[in-house]
Structure formats: structure tokens, C-alpha cells
C-alpha atoms as a PDB file:
ATOM      1  CA  LEU A   1     218.573 104.934  73.273  1.00  0.00           C
ATOM      2  CA  VAL A   2     219.423 101.270  73.834  1.00  0.00           C
ATOM      3  CA  ALA A   3     222.781 100.001  75.127  1.00  0.00           C
ATOM      4  CA  GLY A   4     224.370  97.214  77.102  1.00  0.00           C
ATOM      5  CA  SER A   5     222.363  94.231  75.873  1.00  0.00           C
ATOM      6  CA  GLY A   6     223.763  90.773  75.207  1.00  0.00           C
ATOM      7  CA  PRO A   7     226.256  89.604  74.335  1.00  0.00           C
ATOM      8  CA  ALA A   8     228.501  91.948  76.266  1.00  0.00           C
ATOM      9  CA  ASP A   9     229.618  94.069  73.327  1.00  0.00           C
ATOM     10  CA  GLY A  10     228.554  97.547  74.469  1.00  0.00           C
ATOM     11  CA  ALA A  11     226.513  98.187  71.328  1.00  0.00           C
ATOM     12  CA  THR A  12     224.441 101.382  71.405  1.00  0.00           C
ATOM     13  CA  GLU A  13     221.611 102.370  69.070  1.00  0.00           C
ATOM     14  CA  THR A  14     219.362 105.415  68.849  1.00  0.00           C
ATOM     15  CA  PHE A  15     215.802 105.517  67.500  1.00  0.00           C
ATOM     16  CA  ASP A  16     214.552 108.532  65.527  1.00  0.00           C
ATOM     17  CA  GLY A  17     210.896 107.510  65.496  1.00  0.00           C
ATOM     18  CA  THR A  18     211.274 105.497  62.302  1.00  0.00           C
ATOM     19  CA  SER A  19     214.519 103.531  62.385  1.00  0.00           C
ATOM     20  CA  TRP A  20     217.415 102.448  64.593  1.00  0.00           C
ATOM     21  CA  THR A  21     220.978 103.713  64.036  1.00  0.00           C
ATOM     22  CA  GLU A  22     224.194 102.194  65.430  1.00  0.00           C
ATOM     23  CA  VAL A  23     226.217 104.846  67.280  1.00  0.00           C
ATOM     24  CA  ASN A  24     229.312 104.844  69.537  1.00  0.00           C
ATOM     25  CA  ASN A  25     229.481 101.858  71.902  1.00  0.00           C
ATOM     26  CA  LEU A  26     229.702 101.953  75.683  1.00  0.00           C
ATOM     27  CA  VAL A  27     233.202 102.601  77.022  1.00  0.00           C
ATOM     28  CA  THR A  28     232.993  99.324  78.989  1.00  0.00           C
ATOM     29  CA  ALA A  29     231.144  96.539  77.153  1.00  0.00           C
ATOM     30  CA  ARG A  30     228.512  94.766  79.244  1.00  0.00           C
ATOM     31  CA  GLN A  31     224.983  93.374  79.119  1.00  0.00           C
ATOM     32  CA  TYR A  32     221.811  93.474  81.224  1.00  0.00           C
ATOM     33  CA  ALA A  33     222.549  97.114  82.105  1.00  0.00           C
ATOM     34  CA  PRO A  34     219.541  99.442  82.363  1.00  0.00           C
ATOM     35  CA  VAL A  35     219.502 102.794  80.540  1.00  0.00           C
ATOM     36  CA  CYS A  36     217.469 105.888  81.387  1.00  0.00           C
ATOM     37  CA  GLY A  37     217.218 109.518  80.351  1.00  0.00           C
ATOM     38  CA  LEU A  38     214.768 112.056  78.989  1.00  0.00           C
ATOM     39  CA  THR A  39     216.558 113.097  75.829  1.00  0.00           C
ATOM     40  CA  SER A  40     218.757 111.589  73.145  1.00  0.00           C
ATOM     41  CA  THR A  41     221.591 113.824  74.372  1.00  0.00           C
ATOM     42  CA  ALA A  42     221.482 113.021  78.090  1.00  0.00           C
ATOM     43  CA  SER A  43     221.134 109.391  79.182  1.00  0.00           C
ATOM     44  CA  MET A  44     222.910 107.008  81.530  1.00  0.00           C
ATOM     45  CA  CYS A  45     223.738 103.289  81.627  1.00  0.00           C
ATOM     46  CA  VAL A  46     224.317 101.671  85.026  1.00  0.00           C
ATOM     47  CA  GLY A  47     225.558  98.303  86.255  1.00  0.00           C
ATOM     48  CA  GLY A  48     225.845  95.283  84.016  1.00  0.00           C
ATOM     49  CA  TYR A  49     227.270  91.813  83.570  1.00  0.00           C
ATOM     50  CA  GLY A  50     229.944  90.144  81.514  1.00  0.00           C
ATOM     51  CA  ILE A  51     232.612  92.785  81.930  1.00  0.00           C
ATOM     52  CA  PRO A  52     235.672  91.555  80.011  1.00  0.00           C
ATOM     53  CA  SER A  53     238.413  90.449  82.433  1.00  0.00           C
ATOM     54  CA  SER A  54     240.817  92.870  80.695  1.00  0.00           C
ATOM     55  CA  SER A  55     238.686  95.835  81.871  1.00  0.00           C
ATOM     56  CA  PRO A  56     239.838  97.807  84.937  1.00  0.00           C
ATOM     57  CA  PHE A  57     236.210  97.562  86.144  1.00  0.00           C
ATOM     58  CA  SER A  58     236.164  93.748  86.119  1.00  0.00           C
ATOM     59  CA  ASN A  59     236.038  91.586  89.217  1.00  0.00           C
ATOM     60  CA  GLY A  60     236.757  88.557  87.023  1.00  0.00           C
ATOM     61  CA  PRO A  61     235.064  87.000  83.989  1.00  0.00           C
ATOM     62  CA  GLY A  62     231.326  87.591  84.014  1.00  0.00           C
ATOM     63  CA  SER A  63     231.462  89.964  86.965  1.00  0.00           C
ATOM     64  CA  ARG A  64     228.821  92.521  87.920  1.00  0.00           C
ATOM     65  CA  VAL A  65     229.790  96.101  88.441  1.00  0.00           C
ATOM     66  CA  GLY A  66     228.189  99.291  89.615  1.00  0.00           C
ATOM     67  CA  LEU A  67     229.739 101.229  86.748  1.00  0.00           C
ATOM     68  CA  THR A  68     227.927 104.401  85.594  1.00  0.00           C
ATOM     69  CA  GLU A  69     228.336 105.875  82.112  1.00  0.00           C
ATOM     70  CA  ILE A  70     226.749 109.086  80.782  1.00  0.00           C
ATOM     71  CA  TRP A  71     225.682 109.575  77.127  1.00  0.00           C
ATOM     72  CA  ASP A  72     226.020 113.116  75.697  1.00  0.00           C
ATOM     73  CA  GLY A  73     224.343 112.446  72.340  1.00  0.00           C
ATOM     74  CA  THR A  74     227.608 111.413  70.698  1.00  0.00           C
ATOM     75  CA  SER A  75     229.602 109.220  73.075  1.00  0.00           C
ATOM     76  CA  TRP A  76     229.659 107.527  76.480  1.00  0.00           C
ATOM     77  CA  THR A  77     231.861 108.681  79.381  1.00  0.00           C
ATOM     78  CA  ASN A  78     232.674 106.727  82.556  1.00  0.00           C
ATOM     79  CA  VAL A  79     231.892 108.767  85.648  1.00  0.00           C
ATOM     80  CA  SER A  80     233.363 108.224  89.094  1.00  0.00           C
ATOM     81  CA  GLY A  81     230.073 107.365  90.834  1.00  0.00           C
ATOM     82  CA  THR A  82     229.525 103.607  91.101  1.00  0.00           C
ATOM     83  CA  LEU A  83     226.646 101.682  92.622  1.00  0.00           C
ATOM     84  CA  ASN A  84     227.053 100.448  96.174  1.00  0.00           C
ATOM     85  CA  LEU A  85     225.683  97.078  94.971  1.00  0.00           C
ATOM     86  CA  GLY A  86     226.680  95.906  91.464  1.00  0.00           C
ATOM     87  CA  ARG A  87     223.654  94.370  89.741  1.00  0.00           C
ATOM     88  CA  ILE A  88     221.960  93.463  86.491  1.00  0.00           C
ATOM     89  CA  ALA A  89     218.377  93.626  85.207  1.00  0.00           C
ATOM     90  CA  ALA A  90     217.406  96.407  87.635  1.00  0.00           C
ATOM     91  CA  GLY A  91     214.773  99.102  87.228  1.00  0.00           C
ATOM     92  CA  LEU A  92     216.369 102.472  86.471  1.00  0.00           C
ATOM     93  CA  ALA A  93     214.426 105.719  86.148  1.00  0.00           C
ATOM     94  CA  GLY A  94     215.305 109.390  86.013  1.00  0.00           C
ATOM     95  CA  THR A  95     217.877 111.627  84.407  1.00  0.00           C
ATOM     96  CA  THR A  96     221.662 112.042  84.355  1.00  0.00           C
ATOM     97  CA  THR A  97     221.389 114.369  87.356  1.00  0.00           C
ATOM     98  CA  ALA A  98     218.660 112.648  89.418  1.00  0.00           C
ATOM     99  CA  ALA A  99     217.830 108.942  89.157  1.00  0.00           C
ATOM    100  CA  VAL A 100     216.773 105.895  91.150  1.00  0.00           C
ATOM    101  CA  ILE A 101     217.820 102.265  90.577  1.00  0.00           C
ATOM    102  CA  ALA A 102     216.037  99.444  92.372  1.00  0.00           C
ATOM    103  CA  GLY A 103     215.879  95.688  92.433  1.00  0.00           C
ATOM    104  CA  GLY A 104     217.780  93.564  89.962  1.00  0.00           C
ATOM    105  CA  SER A 105     219.965  90.522  90.404  1.00  0.00           C
ATOM    106  CA  THR A 106     223.305  90.045  92.097  1.00  0.00           C
ATOM    107  CA  GLY A 107     223.536  86.371  91.147  1.00  0.00           C
ATOM    108  CA  ASP A 108     224.338  84.558  87.932  1.00  0.00           C
ATOM    109  CA  PRO A 109     221.937  85.532  85.121  1.00  0.00           C
ATOM    110  CA  ALA A 110     221.182  81.840  84.522  1.00  0.00           C
ATOM    111  CA  PRO A 111     218.404  80.586  86.816  1.00  0.00           C
ATOM    112  CA  PRO A 112     218.281  80.498  89.724  1.00  0.00           C
ATOM    113  CA  THR A 113     219.160  84.143  90.195  1.00  0.00           C
ATOM    114  CA  THR A 114     219.622  86.093  93.415  1.00  0.00           C
ATOM    115  CA  THR A 115     217.171  88.977  93.282  1.00  0.00           C
ATOM    116  CA  THR A 116     217.489  92.043  95.472  1.00  0.00           C
ATOM    117  CA  ALA A 117     215.122  94.713  96.792  1.00  0.00           C
ATOM    118  CA  THR A 118     217.876  97.282  97.377  1.00  0.00           C
ATOM    119  CA  ALA A 119     217.525 100.790  95.979  1.00  0.00           C
ATOM    120  CA  GLU A 120     219.912 103.687  95.408  1.00  0.00           C
ATOM    121  CA  THR A 121     219.512 107.274  94.241  1.00  0.00           C
ATOM    122  CA  TRP A 122     221.837 109.253  91.950  1.00  0.00           C
ATOM    123  CA  ASN A 123     222.452 112.978  92.451  1.00  0.00           C
ATOM    124  CA  GLY A 124     224.573 113.525  89.336  1.00  0.00           C
ATOM    125  CA  THR A 125     227.777 112.624  91.156  1.00  0.00           C
ATOM    126  CA  SER A 126     227.262 109.609  93.432  1.00  0.00           C
ATOM    127  CA  TRP A 127     224.898 106.790  94.379  1.00  0.00           C
ATOM    128  CA  THR A 128     223.341 106.650  97.874  1.00  0.00           C
ATOM    129  CA  SER A 129     221.585 103.628  99.388  1.00  0.00           C
ATOM    130  CA  VAL A 130     217.950 104.345 100.306  1.00  0.00           C
ATOM    131  CA  SER A 131     214.917 102.361 101.513  1.00  0.00           C
ATOM    132  CA  ALA A 132     214.517  98.989  99.815  1.00  0.00           C
ATOM    133  CA  MET A 133     211.571  97.934  97.682  1.00  0.00           C
ATOM    134  CA  GLY A 134     208.827  95.806  99.226  1.00  0.00           C
ATOM    135  CA  ASP A 135     209.708  92.838  96.974  1.00  0.00           C
ATOM    136  CA  ALA A 136     213.000  91.552  95.605  1.00  0.00           C
ATOM    137  CA  VAL A 137     212.460  91.676  91.840  1.00  0.00           C
ATOM    138  CA  GLU A 138     214.407  91.811  88.582  1.00  0.00           C
ATOM    139  CA  GLU A 139     213.650  92.338  84.900  1.00  0.00           C
ATOM    140  CA  PHE A 140     210.870  94.828  85.489  1.00  0.00           C
ATOM    141  CA  ALA A 141     209.833  98.064  83.864  1.00  0.00           C
ATOM    142  CA  SER A 142     210.154 101.532  85.321  1.00  0.00           C
ATOM    143  CA  SER A 143     209.000 105.002  84.436  1.00  0.00           C
ATOM    144  CA  SER A 144     210.048 108.394  85.777  1.00  0.00           C
ATOM    145  CA  SER A 145     211.788 111.658  85.080  1.00  0.00           C
ATOM    146  CA  SER A 146     213.461 112.136  88.468  1.00  0.00           C
ATOM    147  CA  SER A 147     214.812 110.410  91.555  1.00  0.00           C
ATOM    148  CA  THR A 148     211.915 111.598  93.712  1.00  0.00           C
ATOM    149  CA  ALA A 149     209.051 109.875  91.873  1.00  0.00           C
ATOM    150  CA  ALA A 150     208.991 106.631  89.867  1.00  0.00           C
ATOM    151  CA  VAL A 151     206.791 103.615  89.217  1.00  0.00           C
ATOM    152  CA  MET A 152     208.329 100.123  89.003  1.00  0.00           C
ATOM    153  CA  PHE A 153     206.097  97.279  87.775  1.00  0.00           C
ATOM    154  CA  GLY A 154     206.038  93.693  86.528  1.00  0.00           C
ATOM    155  CA  GLY A 155     209.190  91.626  86.733  1.00  0.00           C
ATOM    156  CA  ALA A 156     210.439  88.236  87.833  1.00  0.00           C
ATOM    157  CA  PRO A 157     209.750  86.208  89.782  1.00  0.00           C
ATOM    158  CA  THR A 158     206.079  86.743  88.950  1.00  0.00           C
ATOM    159  CA  VAL A 159     205.053  90.002  90.552  1.00  0.00           C
ATOM    160  CA  THR A 160     201.470  91.223  90.407  1.00  0.00           C
ATOM    161  CA  ALA A 161     201.983  94.537  92.163  1.00  0.00           C
ATOM    162  CA  SER A 162     203.713  97.737  91.228  1.00  0.00           C
ATOM    163  CA  GLU A 163     205.789  99.871  93.535  1.00  0.00           C
ATOM    164  CA  GLU A 164     205.720 103.628  93.593  1.00  0.00           C
ATOM    165  CA  TRP A 165     208.907 105.452  94.520  1.00  0.00           C
ATOM    166  CA  THR A 166     208.311 108.648  96.441  1.00  0.00           C
ATOM    167  CA  SER A 167     211.603 109.698  97.939  1.00  0.00           C
ATOM    168  CA  PRO A 168     212.743 108.372 100.325  1.00  0.00           C
ATOM    169  CA  LEU A 169     210.344 105.375 100.536  1.00  0.00           C
ATOM    170  CA  PHE A 170     208.927 102.738  98.224  1.00  0.00           C
ATOM    171  CA  GLU A 171     205.238 102.111  98.589  1.00  0.00           C
ATOM    172  CA  VAL A 172     203.615  98.901  97.360  1.00  0.00           C
ATOM    173  CA  LYS A 173     200.529  99.526  95.244  1.00  0.00           C
ATOM    174  CA  THR A 174     198.188  96.733  94.187  1.00  0.00           C
ATOM    175  CA  VAL A 175     197.527  96.558  90.464  1.00  0.00           C
ATOM    176  CA  THR A 176     194.011  95.588  89.419  1.00  0.00           C
ATOM    177  CA  THR A 177     193.447  94.468  85.828  1.00  0.00           C
ATOM    178  CA  SER A 178     190.153  93.842  84.110  1.00  0.00           C
END
């Protein structure tokens, strides 16, 4: 499932292993919003940029929000839990009932950006601030199936280490390539 890319139109597509199919859009159009989930019937999209000023979730044109939407396999639904820190281009890993979001940018997407190391966990209802990452980073990859264990790696500015999330702390791990 892919959603919330640019421009801020809320487009959502699913992949069946062979081809992509356009499905129902996000309730609130935005871009740079990470998506996670383990199945095509249970995913979530969090944060984002470019919220239209007509939206009740907007803080003005191009604003960032901590908005959370859940995908049920057919459509998106806004849920009441919002991030404590609205952000874009963050690492998001987990499920609709247990997830972790970390890093990202709170500044304008055009360089220079303001990266953050903050992290929050999702319990299916609300977001809670937890220990920050070792490095402030955005636009990185993440992998996990829960909010108690995840790996975040790569990113910008140039990062040569990965961080392992083991609730409630991030631990910096050095990556060796050959």
C-alpha cells in the first residue's frame, strides 16, 4: 500500500504482486507521510505536509500535522490519536495497533530542512513520546511488525549507521559494508 506522496492529493494504490491499482484516497490529502502495516487490510498513514488550508487539520498552507489515518482494505478513516510532533519523511514501522515513528523533518521540505530525532509509539489509540534516536535523520527506511522492535537505517543527511528500536530505547548500531 502506498499513500500520501506528492503532490498533496491523497492518492492511494495497492500492489497485488504484479500491478498497482488506484483505490480510495486518504481522507485528508497530504504528502511525505509514511505508511506502515502488515496486511493490505490493516495499514496506517501518519503525519504529512501540504494539508489544504480548507482542511480542519490544517495549520495554514503547507502545514505539517500529526494526523493518523487507518486503512481497512477499502477506505481510510481519521482516528483521534495525533502525533505530539507533526512531521514529514519519518520512519514508521509496526501495525495499526502497535507502531513506532521516529525522526523526520519539522521544517520546510525544501533544503535546508529541520530534522528531528524524536520518537513516539502508537498503542492503537494514542501516540506517546519515548526516547529519541541517536541521530536526527529524515527520509530513511524502517522495518518492523511491532512497536517494541524495529530497525531504522539510511537517510539524510548522510547517515552510515542504523538504529535498532527495542522499546523503550533506541540503540545505535554500526553498519559495516563490504
